[in-house]
Amino acid sequence: MARGSTRPTSRDVAQAAGVSQAAVSLVLGDKWRGRVSEPTAQRVRDAARRLGYRPNLAARNLRLGRTRTVLLVVPALTTEFFAEVYTGAARVAAQHGFGVVLYPSPEGVGPARDPFASAQAALDGVIASSMAADALTAIRGDQLPLVMLDSDPEGSLGAATVNLDITDGICQVAEHLLALGHRRFLHLAADVPSWTFEIRARALAARLADTPGTTLRTARAPISVDGALAATETALAAPGPRPTALVCDDDKLAVGAYKAARRAGLRVPDDLSVTGLDDLGLATAIDPELTTVRLDAELFGERGMRALLAVMEGRTPEEGDIPVHLVVRGSTAPPPHD
C-alpha cells in the first residue's frame, strides 16, 4: 500500500484474495480446515502478507477471551542461537495469529522474576529451554500448556519435548576425530547443570569407549571465552601425555580453547585439533575456521511452536529429534607424530 494510506483491513485482504471476509477470518484465525480449501487458505495468507495486513488482535482477543500470546523462556541472549530459535517460533506463531514474548532469564540460567503480574492470566502457553527451566517456577509457567526444548523426554515438566539430535552430533564429531587418528581426547564441558550438556558428555564417553587405546579427560568451564581459556590452559599444563583433540560443548568454548593453545605455543590444528557445537557466526570468524556441529536453531523454534499449538489443540505433536550435521573446516587434522 502507498505510504500514508490507512492500515489494510480484512476487507482489503478478501478483495485481493477474491474471497469473503468470513473466509479471511477463518484462515487467519486458523479455523479454516474442513471449511476452506488449502489453495484458498494459501491465497488468503499470501494476500495478507503482500498487503502487510495485521489482524486487530486486541479486538479479537476480547471476543475469544484469550490473549493469543506465548512466552518463550531462554537463557540470557549471549549468542545468536536463541535469537534464531525465537525467529523460527515467531514465524509459525504469526501464521496462526499468535504473538511470542521473548523472556531471557536474567542470570542466564536459574530463577527469574515474574515478567507478568499473573502469567496464567496473560499467556496461553509457554515454550522453555531446559537451560532456563528454573524460571518456570517463578512465572508459574509449569501450570500452563508447556513445551520444553533440549529436555529429557523421560523427566520433562512439559506436555511435549522438542530436541535436537545432540547425541548423534557428538558421535559425528568423535567419528571424524577417530578417523583422523586421534586417541587422546580432552572434553571441554560446559559447566551448566542441564540435560543437554549431560548427554554430550555421555555420548562422547560411550563412543570413545568403543575404540581401544583412547583416553578421555574432562575440563569444565562456564560458557565464556575467558572461562574456557582458563580451563584449557590448566588442562594442557597437566602432567601426562597432552591431548591431541579437544571436543568443546559450544563454539564460544572453542574460541577460548584457541587462545589457550596459542598461549601454550600450540598450533591449531597441527598440534591440537579443536571442535565446537552450534555453528554460530564466530565459527567462521576465527582462524582456522572451526569444525563444528550445525544446529538448525530456526527449525528448532518452529518445531517448538508447532508442538505447543498441537498441545493447546489436543493433538499429538510431531515426534523425532531434529537432525544435526558436522561441518568440517580447518580446525581438525591428523594428530602430530609423538
Protein backbone atom coordinates (compact mmCIF):
# COMPACT_ATOMS: atom_id res chain seq x y z
CA MET A 1 0.00 0.00 0.00
CA ALA A 2 1.13 3.56 -0.60
CA ARG A 3 2.87 5.40 2.19
CA GLY A 4 0.44 7.41 4.28
CA SER A 5 -2.53 5.22 3.35
CA THR A 6 -4.73 3.72 6.04
CA ARG A 7 -3.96 0.37 7.61
CA PRO A 8 -5.20 -2.53 5.43
CA THR A 9 -8.38 -4.23 6.63
CA SER A 10 -9.73 -7.77 6.35
CA ARG A 11 -11.99 -6.42 3.57
CA ASP A 12 -8.86 -5.44 1.59
CA VAL A 13 -7.45 -8.94 2.08
CA ALA A 14 -10.75 -10.51 1.00
CA GLN A 15 -10.81 -8.38 -2.16
CA ALA A 16 -7.18 -9.16 -3.02
CA ALA A 17 -7.70 -12.90 -2.49
CA GLY A 18 -11.11 -12.99 -4.19
CA VAL A 19 -12.87 -14.48 -1.14
CA SER A 20 -15.36 -13.39 1.50
CA GLN A 21 -14.38 -11.64 4.73
CA ALA A 22 -15.66 -14.69 6.58
CA ALA A 23 -13.12 -16.84 4.73
CA VAL A 24 -10.35 -14.39 5.67
CA SER A 25 -11.43 -14.59 9.31
CA LEU A 26 -11.42 -18.40 9.23
CA VAL A 27 -7.99 -18.62 7.62
CA LEU A 28 -6.24 -16.01 9.75
CA GLY A 29 -7.92 -17.40 12.86
CA ASP A 30 -6.63 -20.87 11.90
CA LYS A 31 -10.14 -22.32 11.84
CA TRP A 32 -10.31 -22.98 8.08
CA ARG A 33 -9.61 -26.72 7.95
CA GLY A 34 -12.63 -28.57 6.59
CA ARG A 35 -14.30 -25.27 5.67
CA VAL A 36 -11.88 -23.63 3.23
CA SER A 37 -9.65 -25.41 0.72
CA GLU A 38 -5.87 -25.40 1.17
CA PRO A 39 -5.25 -23.39 -2.06
CA THR A 40 -7.80 -20.77 -0.92
CA ALA A 41 -6.22 -20.58 2.54
CA GLN A 42 -2.81 -20.08 0.95
CA ARG A 43 -4.23 -17.35 -1.31
CA VAL A 44 -5.56 -15.52 1.77
CA ARG A 45 -2.23 -15.84 3.60
CA ASP A 46 -0.35 -14.58 0.54
CA ALA A 47 -2.69 -11.61 0.16
CA ALA A 48 -2.39 -10.72 3.85
CA ARG A 49 1.40 -10.88 3.65
CA ARG A 50 1.50 -8.83 0.43
CA LEU A 51 -0.71 -6.10 1.91
CA GLY A 52 1.06 -6.11 5.27
CA TYR A 53 -2.25 -6.92 6.98
CA ARG A 54 -2.15 -7.47 10.72
CA PRO A 55 -5.32 -8.64 12.48
CA ASN A 56 -6.66 -6.48 15.26
CA LEU A 57 -5.61 -8.90 17.99
CA ALA A 58 -6.93 -6.74 20.82
CA ALA A 59 -10.48 -6.82 19.44
CA ARG A 60 -10.28 -10.48 18.58
CA ASN A 61 -8.94 -11.40 22.00
CA LEU A 62 -11.90 -9.70 23.65
CA ARG A 63 -14.16 -11.95 21.61
CA LEU A 64 -12.13 -15.09 22.26
CA GLY A 65 -11.33 -14.47 25.90
CA ARG A 66 -7.70 -15.43 25.11
CA THR A 67 -4.54 -13.38 24.72
CA ARG A 68 -3.10 -15.50 21.87
CA THR A 69 0.31 -14.87 23.39
CA VAL A 70 3.05 -17.40 24.02
CA LEU A 71 6.09 -16.95 26.25
CA LEU A 72 9.49 -18.22 25.07
CA VAL A 73 11.81 -18.65 28.07
CA VAL A 74 15.51 -18.95 27.18
CA PRO A 75 18.88 -18.37 28.85
CA ALA A 76 20.28 -14.84 28.58
CA LEU A 77 20.85 -13.96 24.91
CA THR A 78 24.62 -14.32 24.88
CA THR A 79 24.71 -15.90 21.40
CA GLU A 80 22.60 -15.69 18.28
CA PHE A 81 21.40 -19.29 18.77
CA PHE A 82 18.36 -18.41 20.90
CA ALA A 83 17.64 -15.34 18.77
CA GLU A 84 17.24 -17.74 15.84
CA VAL A 85 15.07 -20.06 17.95
CA TYR A 86 12.83 -17.03 18.58
CA THR A 87 12.75 -16.18 14.86
CA GLY A 88 11.53 -19.67 13.99
CA ALA A 89 8.94 -19.76 16.78
CA ALA A 90 7.61 -16.29 15.94
CA ARG A 91 7.28 -17.17 12.24
CA VAL A 92 5.00 -20.15 12.97
CA ALA A 93 3.13 -18.23 15.68
CA ALA A 94 2.34 -15.37 13.28
CA GLN A 95 0.89 -17.81 10.75
CA HIS A 96 -1.60 -18.86 13.44
CA GLY A 97 -2.41 -15.42 14.82
CA PHE A 98 -0.23 -15.72 17.92
CA GLY A 99 2.41 -13.39 19.28
CA VAL A 100 5.59 -14.55 21.03
CA VAL A 101 7.05 -12.73 24.02
CA LEU A 102 10.75 -13.49 24.48
CA TYR A 103 11.89 -13.74 28.09
CA PRO A 104 15.61 -14.28 28.62
CA SER A 105 16.35 -15.45 32.16
CA PRO A 106 18.34 -12.50 33.61
CA GLU A 107 21.12 -14.61 35.11
CA GLY A 108 21.35 -16.83 32.05
CA VAL A 109 20.43 -19.98 33.93
CA GLY A 110 18.38 -20.09 37.11
CA PRO A 111 15.37 -18.44 38.76
CA ALA A 112 13.85 -15.39 37.10
CA ARG A 113 11.48 -12.71 38.30
CA ASP A 114 7.86 -12.90 37.17
CA PRO A 115 7.62 -10.79 33.98
CA PHE A 116 3.84 -10.60 34.35
CA ALA A 117 1.59 -9.83 37.30
CA SER A 118 -0.02 -13.18 36.60
CA ALA A 119 1.47 -15.32 33.86
CA GLN A 120 -1.58 -17.54 33.69
CA ALA A 121 -3.85 -14.57 33.04
CA ALA A 122 -1.52 -13.12 30.40
CA LEU A 123 -0.44 -16.20 28.46
CA ASP A 124 -1.88 -19.10 26.50
CA GLY A 125 1.25 -21.27 26.66
CA VAL A 126 4.98 -21.46 27.27
CA ILE A 127 7.99 -22.79 25.34
CA ALA A 128 11.06 -23.11 27.56
CA SER A 129 14.67 -24.20 27.19
CA SER A 130 15.73 -26.67 29.86
CA MET A 131 18.72 -24.34 30.43
CA ALA A 132 16.27 -21.81 31.90
CA ALA A 133 13.83 -24.29 33.45
CA ASP A 134 14.05 -22.78 36.94
CA ALA A 135 12.44 -19.63 35.58
CA LEU A 136 9.24 -21.59 35.02
CA THR A 137 8.55 -21.88 38.74
CA ALA A 138 8.80 -18.12 39.22
CA ILE A 139 6.38 -17.33 36.39
CA ARG A 140 4.13 -20.31 37.14
CA GLY A 141 4.70 -21.39 33.55
CA ASP A 142 4.59 -25.03 34.61
CA GLN A 143 0.83 -24.60 35.19
CA LEU A 144 0.23 -23.58 31.56
CA PRO A 145 0.40 -25.62 28.33
CA LEU A 146 4.15 -26.17 28.19
CA VAL A 147 6.68 -27.43 25.64
CA MET A 148 10.27 -27.99 26.73
CA LEU A 149 13.29 -27.58 24.44
CA ASP A 150 16.54 -29.50 25.00
CA SER A 151 14.94 -31.52 27.74
CA ASP A 152 14.94 -35.12 28.95
CA PRO A 153 11.80 -36.66 27.44
CA GLU A 154 11.59 -39.06 30.40
CA GLY A 155 11.58 -36.40 33.09
CA SER A 156 10.19 -33.31 31.38
CA LEU A 157 7.81 -30.88 33.03
CA GLY A 158 6.23 -30.25 29.65
CA ALA A 159 3.36 -31.85 27.83
CA ALA A 160 5.82 -32.30 24.97
CA THR A 161 9.56 -32.04 24.37
CA VAL A 162 11.43 -30.96 21.24
CA ASN A 163 15.08 -31.91 20.94
CA LEU A 164 17.97 -31.63 18.53
CA ASP A 165 19.80 -34.92 17.97
CA ILE A 166 22.78 -33.84 20.04
CA THR A 167 23.85 -37.43 20.73
CA ASP A 168 24.28 -38.03 17.01
CA GLY A 169 26.12 -34.72 16.65
CA ILE A 170 28.68 -35.71 19.27
CA CYS A 171 29.04 -39.14 17.66
CA GLN A 172 29.73 -37.45 14.31
CA VAL A 173 32.48 -35.37 15.98
CA ALA A 174 34.02 -38.45 17.61
CA GLU A 175 33.90 -40.47 14.38
CA HIS A 176 35.62 -37.64 12.48
CA LEU A 177 38.42 -37.29 15.03
CA LEU A 178 38.94 -41.05 15.41
CA ALA A 179 39.15 -41.42 11.62
CA LEU A 180 41.89 -38.78 11.60
CA GLY A 181 43.83 -40.94 14.08
CA HIS A 182 43.22 -39.14 17.37
CA ARG A 183 43.26 -41.23 20.54
CA ARG A 184 43.95 -38.69 23.32
CA PHE A 185 40.88 -36.53 23.89
CA LEU A 186 40.01 -33.61 26.14
CA HIS A 187 36.34 -32.73 26.59
CA LEU A 188 35.86 -29.03 27.37
CA ALA A 189 32.46 -29.36 29.02
CA ALA A 190 30.03 -26.52 29.71
CA ASP A 191 29.76 -26.09 33.48
CA VAL A 192 25.97 -25.79 33.30
CA PRO A 193 23.58 -28.17 35.12
CA SER A 194 21.46 -29.02 32.09
CA TRP A 195 20.37 -32.26 30.42
CA THR A 196 21.60 -31.11 27.01
CA PHE A 197 25.17 -30.91 28.34
CA GLU A 198 24.91 -34.14 30.32
CA ILE A 199 24.05 -36.09 27.15
CA ARG A 200 27.04 -34.59 25.34
CA ALA A 201 29.37 -36.00 27.98
CA ARG A 202 27.62 -39.38 28.00
CA ALA A 203 27.63 -39.68 24.20
CA LEU A 204 31.33 -38.78 23.88
CA ALA A 205 32.41 -41.18 26.64
CA ALA A 206 30.29 -44.01 25.21
CA ARG A 207 31.59 -43.61 21.66
CA LEU A 208 35.26 -43.37 22.68
CA ALA A 209 34.92 -46.37 24.99
CA ASP A 210 34.17 -48.45 21.88
CA THR A 211 37.63 -47.72 20.44
CA PRO A 212 40.60 -49.41 22.16
CA GLY A 213 43.52 -47.20 23.15
CA THR A 214 41.57 -43.96 23.61
CA THR A 215 41.83 -41.73 26.66
CA LEU A 216 39.35 -39.04 27.67
CA ARG A 217 39.86 -36.27 30.17
CA THR A 218 37.30 -33.62 31.07
CA ALA A 219 37.73 -29.94 31.95
CA ARG A 220 34.69 -27.86 32.94
CA ALA A 221 34.20 -24.19 32.13
CA PRO A 222 31.41 -21.61 32.17
CA ILE A 223 30.21 -20.75 28.66
CA SER A 224 32.54 -17.79 28.19
CA VAL A 225 35.77 -17.21 26.31
CA ASP A 226 37.68 -16.33 29.50
CA GLY A 227 36.32 -19.35 31.36
CA ALA A 228 37.28 -21.67 28.51
CA LEU A 229 40.71 -20.08 28.23
CA ALA A 230 41.48 -20.67 31.92
CA ALA A 231 40.13 -24.25 31.96
CA THR A 232 42.00 -25.23 28.80
CA GLU A 233 45.28 -23.68 30.00
CA THR A 234 45.07 -25.72 33.20
CA ALA A 235 44.20 -28.91 31.33
CA LEU A 236 47.01 -28.53 28.77
CA ALA A 237 49.54 -27.95 31.55
CA ALA A 238 48.51 -31.09 33.48
CA PRO A 239 51.07 -33.90 33.78
CA GLY A 240 50.95 -36.83 31.39
CA PRO A 241 50.62 -37.07 27.60
CA ARG A 242 48.97 -33.99 26.13
CA PRO A 243 45.60 -34.46 24.38
CA THR A 244 45.64 -34.12 20.60
CA ALA A 245 41.90 -33.45 20.17
CA LEU A 246 39.75 -31.01 22.12
CA VAL A 247 35.96 -31.51 21.91
CA CYS A 248 34.08 -28.37 23.03
CA ASP A 249 30.42 -28.29 24.09
CA ASP A 250 29.92 -24.91 22.42
CA ASP A 251 31.57 -22.71 19.79
CA LYS A 252 32.27 -19.99 22.34
CA LEU A 253 34.24 -22.50 24.44
CA ALA A 254 36.25 -23.35 21.32
CA VAL A 255 37.32 -19.71 20.96
CA GLY A 256 38.75 -19.79 24.49
CA ALA A 257 40.48 -23.08 23.66
CA TYR A 258 42.14 -21.48 20.61
CA LYS A 259 43.55 -18.71 22.80
CA ALA A 260 44.83 -21.21 25.38
CA ALA A 261 46.50 -23.30 22.68
CA ARG A 262 48.30 -20.29 21.26
CA ARG A 263 49.46 -19.18 24.71
CA ALA A 264 50.88 -22.68 25.20
CA GLY A 265 52.76 -22.40 21.90
CA LEU A 266 50.50 -24.92 20.15
CA ARG A 267 49.12 -24.59 16.63
CA VAL A 268 45.54 -25.44 15.66
CA PRO A 269 45.20 -27.96 14.01
CA ASP A 270 48.87 -29.06 13.62
CA ASP A 271 49.38 -29.71 17.34
CA LEU A 272 45.79 -29.72 18.61
CA SER A 273 42.52 -30.33 16.76
CA VAL A 274 39.53 -28.39 18.13
CA THR A 275 35.81 -28.91 17.51
CA GLY A 276 32.75 -26.93 18.57
CA LEU A 277 28.99 -27.33 18.60
CA ASP A 278 26.34 -24.85 17.32
CA ASP A 279 27.91 -23.41 14.14
CA LEU A 280 27.47 -19.83 15.30
CA GLY A 281 28.72 -16.88 13.26
CA LEU A 282 32.00 -16.86 15.16
CA ALA A 283 32.81 -20.38 13.87
CA THR A 284 33.89 -18.83 10.56
CA ALA A 285 35.22 -15.61 12.15
CA ILE A 286 38.17 -17.35 13.81
CA ASP A 287 41.29 -18.69 12.10
CA PRO A 288 41.43 -21.50 11.24
CA GLU A 289 37.69 -21.78 10.77
CA LEU A 290 36.07 -24.14 13.26
CA THR A 291 34.94 -27.71 12.63
CA THR A 292 31.60 -27.81 14.43
CA VAL A 293 28.13 -29.33 14.50
CA ARG A 294 25.46 -27.24 12.80
CA LEU A 295 22.22 -26.94 14.77
CA ASP A 296 19.21 -25.56 12.90
CA ALA A 297 18.05 -23.08 15.54
CA GLU A 298 15.20 -21.62 13.47
CA LEU A 299 13.77 -25.07 12.76
CA PHE A 300 14.14 -25.80 16.48
CA GLY A 301 11.96 -22.76 17.26
CA GLU A 302 9.46 -23.66 14.55
CA ARG A 303 9.09 -27.20 15.86
CA GLY A 304 8.71 -25.90 19.41
CA MET A 305 5.89 -23.58 18.38
CA ARG A 306 4.15 -26.27 16.31
CA ALA A 307 4.35 -28.64 19.27
CA LEU A 308 2.79 -26.03 21.57
CA LEU A 309 -0.04 -25.39 19.11
CA ALA A 310 -0.67 -29.14 19.00
CA VAL A 311 -0.72 -29.38 22.80
CA MET A 312 -3.17 -26.47 23.07
CA GLU A 313 -5.42 -28.07 20.44
CA GLY A 314 -5.27 -31.54 21.98
CA ARG A 315 -3.26 -33.05 19.09
CA THR A 316 -0.14 -35.22 19.28
CA PRO A 317 2.98 -33.18 18.42
CA GLU A 318 5.40 -34.31 15.72
CA GLU A 319 7.86 -36.87 17.08
CA GLY A 320 11.55 -37.45 16.43
CA ASP A 321 14.67 -35.40 17.15
CA ILE A 322 15.80 -32.72 14.69
CA PRO A 323 18.82 -33.95 12.66
CA VAL A 324 22.16 -32.14 13.03
CA HIS A 325 25.31 -32.44 10.95
CA LEU A 326 29.03 -31.97 11.23
CA VAL A 327 30.66 -29.16 9.24
CA VAL A 328 34.34 -29.93 8.71
CA ARG A 329 36.60 -26.90 8.44
CA GLY A 330 40.25 -26.09 9.13
CA SER A 331 40.50 -26.72 12.89
CA THR A 332 40.89 -30.51 12.64
CA ALA A 333 43.72 -32.59 11.17
CA PRO A 334 45.60 -35.82 11.94
CA PRO A 335 47.43 -35.76 15.28
CA PRO A 336 51.13 -34.89 15.40
CA HIS A 337 53.62 -37.79 15.48
CA ASP A 338 54.81 -38.40 19.03
